[in-house]
Amino acid sequence: MRRIRPAFAAFLVCGALLVAGIVVFGGGSHRLGGAILAVALIGFGFLLAGGLHTQGRAAEQQGMLGRRSDVGGFDRPRDQSGL
């Protein structure tokens, strides 16, 4: 029997909270529904940030420096071509 990964379980919980928040909000209890929706969206944000964090670490280990190398500026060496 396979184990459910914690991230997948958290995704299912956030999805259930999202559906419950929409149902409660649609039922007229806007304050409680909004609170449930806020918790669900914050949970999805944490899941997304965790996934993007691992990709950023992998890119960093491969030698990709990020924004600083993408933007031209004073940190680049002078052109030595003589043209």
C-alpha atoms as a PDB file:
ATOM      1  CA  MET A   1       0.000   0.000   0.000  1.00  0.00           C
ATOM      2  CA  ARG A   2       1.360   3.412  -0.995  1.00  0.00           C
ATOM      3  CA  ARG A   3       1.713   6.238   1.489  1.00  0.00           C
ATOM      4  CA  ILE A   4       0.154   9.590   0.744  1.00  0.00           C
ATOM      5  CA  ARG A   5       2.781  12.315   0.534  1.00  0.00           C
ATOM      6  CA  PRO A   6       2.341  15.190   3.002  1.00  0.00           C
ATOM      7  CA  ALA A   7       2.243  17.818   0.243  1.00  0.00           C
ATOM      8  CA  PHE A   8      -0.500  15.946  -1.593  1.00  0.00           C
ATOM      9  CA  ALA A   9      -2.483  15.563   1.624  1.00  0.00           C
ATOM     10  CA  ALA A  10      -2.102  19.301   2.301  1.00  0.00           C
ATOM     11  CA  PHE A  11      -3.256  20.000  -1.271  1.00  0.00           C
ATOM     12  CA  LEU A  12      -6.380  17.910  -0.691  1.00  0.00           C
ATOM     13  CA  VAL A  13      -7.094  19.681   2.612  1.00  0.00           C
ATOM     14  CA  CYS A  14      -6.682  23.115   0.992  1.00  0.00           C
ATOM     15  CA  GLY A  15      -8.939  22.052  -1.863  1.00  0.00           C
ATOM     16  CA  ALA A  16     -11.604  20.886   0.576  1.00  0.00           C
ATOM     17  CA  LEU A  17     -11.299  24.166   2.481  1.00  0.00           C
ATOM     18  CA  LEU A  18     -11.655  26.097  -0.765  1.00  0.00           C
ATOM     19  CA  VAL A  19     -14.851  24.255  -1.687  1.00  0.00           C
ATOM     20  CA  ALA A  20     -16.211  24.621   1.856  1.00  0.00           C
ATOM     21  CA  GLY A  21     -15.401  28.332   1.854  1.00  0.00           C
ATOM     22  CA  ILE A  22     -17.220  28.861  -1.423  1.00  0.00           C
ATOM     23  CA  VAL A  23     -20.273  26.962  -0.165  1.00  0.00           C
ATOM     24  CA  VAL A  24     -20.367  28.848   3.147  1.00  0.00           C
ATOM     25  CA  PHE A  25     -19.781  32.199   1.426  1.00  0.00           C
ATOM     26  CA  GLY A  26     -22.528  31.452  -1.091  1.00  0.00           C
ATOM     27  CA  GLY A  27     -24.863  30.486   1.742  1.00  0.00           C
ATOM     28  CA  GLY A  28     -24.776  34.005   3.113  1.00  0.00           C
ATOM     29  CA  SER A  29     -22.245  33.796   5.926  1.00  0.00           C
ATOM     30  CA  HIS A  30     -19.698  36.075   4.292  1.00  0.00           C
ATOM     31  CA  ARG A  31     -17.455  36.554   7.302  1.00  0.00           C
ATOM     32  CA  LEU A  32     -16.959  32.831   8.024  1.00  0.00           C
ATOM     33  CA  GLY A  33     -16.784  31.951   4.325  1.00  0.00           C
ATOM     34  CA  GLY A  34     -14.192  34.631   3.712  1.00  0.00           C
ATOM     35  CA  ALA A  35     -12.097  33.393   6.625  1.00  0.00           C
ATOM     36  CA  ILE A  36     -12.206  29.816   5.310  1.00  0.00           C
ATOM     37  CA  LEU A  37     -11.279  31.031   1.821  1.00  0.00           C
ATOM     38  CA  ALA A  38      -8.388  33.059   3.216  1.00  0.00           C
ATOM     39  CA  VAL A  39      -6.997  30.040   5.068  1.00  0.00           C
ATOM     40  CA  ALA A  40      -7.329  27.887   1.935  1.00  0.00           C
ATOM     41  CA  LEU A  41      -5.574  30.439  -0.272  1.00  0.00           C
ATOM     42  CA  ILE A  42      -2.767  30.943   2.243  1.00  0.00           C
ATOM     43  CA  GLY A  43      -2.318  27.164   2.337  1.00  0.00           C
ATOM     44  CA  PHE A  44      -2.122  27.009  -1.457  1.00  0.00           C
ATOM     45  CA  GLY A  45       0.421  29.838  -1.346  1.00  0.00           C
ATOM     46  CA  PHE A  46       2.627  27.919   1.073  1.00  0.00           C
ATOM     47  CA  LEU A  47       2.413  24.816  -1.113  1.00  0.00           C
ATOM     48  CA  LEU A  48       3.321  26.809  -4.211  1.00  0.00           C
ATOM     49  CA  ALA A  49       6.178  28.595  -2.456  1.00  0.00           C
ATOM     50  CA  GLY A  50       7.570  25.276  -1.243  1.00  0.00           C
ATOM     51  CA  GLY A  51       7.532  23.866  -4.757  1.00  0.00           C
ATOM     52  CA  LEU A  52       9.183  26.926  -6.254  1.00  0.00           C
ATOM     53  CA  HIS A  53      11.796  26.984  -3.491  1.00  0.00           C
ATOM     54  CA  THR A  54      13.103  23.551  -4.515  1.00  0.00           C
ATOM     55  CA  GLN A  55      13.367  24.627  -8.161  1.00  0.00           C
ATOM     56  CA  GLY A  56      15.267  27.747  -7.171  1.00  0.00           C
ATOM     57  CA  ARG A  57      17.717  25.688  -5.141  1.00  0.00           C
ATOM     58  CA  ALA A  58      18.312  23.357  -8.091  1.00  0.00           C
ATOM     59  CA  ALA A  59      18.971  26.301 -10.419  1.00  0.00           C
ATOM     60  CA  GLU A  60      21.335  27.802  -7.870  1.00  0.00           C
ATOM     61  CA  GLN A  61      23.312  24.559  -7.653  1.00  0.00           C
ATOM     62  CA  GLN A  62      23.596  24.405 -11.457  1.00  0.00           C
ATOM     63  CA  GLY A  63      25.263  27.811 -11.521  1.00  0.00           C
ATOM     64  CA  MET A  64      22.397  30.061 -12.568  1.00  0.00           C
ATOM     65  CA  LEU A  65      22.836  33.264 -10.606  1.00  0.00           C
ATOM     66  CA  GLY A  66      19.438  34.850 -11.079  1.00  0.00           C
ATOM     67  CA  ARG A  67      18.412  38.434 -11.680  1.00  0.00           C
ATOM     68  CA  ARG A  68      21.800  40.046 -11.321  1.00  0.00           C
ATOM     69  CA  SER A  69      23.261  38.247 -14.341  1.00  0.00           C
ATOM     70  CA  ASP A  70      20.176  38.963 -16.479  1.00  0.00           C
ATOM     71  CA  VAL A  71      20.412  42.745 -16.199  1.00  0.00           C
ATOM     72  CA  GLY A  72      23.264  44.609 -17.823  1.00  0.00           C
ATOM     73  CA  GLY A  73      25.000  47.139 -15.680  1.00  0.00           C
ATOM     74  CA  PHE A  74      28.214  48.103 -13.952  1.00  0.00           C
ATOM     75  CA  ASP A  75      28.972  44.605 -12.692  1.00  0.00           C
ATOM     76  CA  ARG A  76      29.940  43.391 -16.191  1.00  0.00           C
ATOM     77  CA  PRO A  77      33.533  43.619 -17.378  1.00  0.00           C
ATOM     78  CA  ARG A  78      34.445  46.181 -20.018  1.00  0.00           C
ATOM     79  CA  ASP A  79      34.452  45.149 -23.653  1.00  0.00           C
ATOM     80  CA  GLN A  80      37.993  44.155 -24.624  1.00  0.00           C
ATOM     81  CA  SER A  81      37.369  43.875 -28.384  1.00  0.00           C
ATOM     82  CA  GLY A  82      38.848  47.281 -29.236  1.00  0.00           C
ATOM     83  CA  LEU A  83      36.046  48.288 -31.618  1.00  0.00           C
END
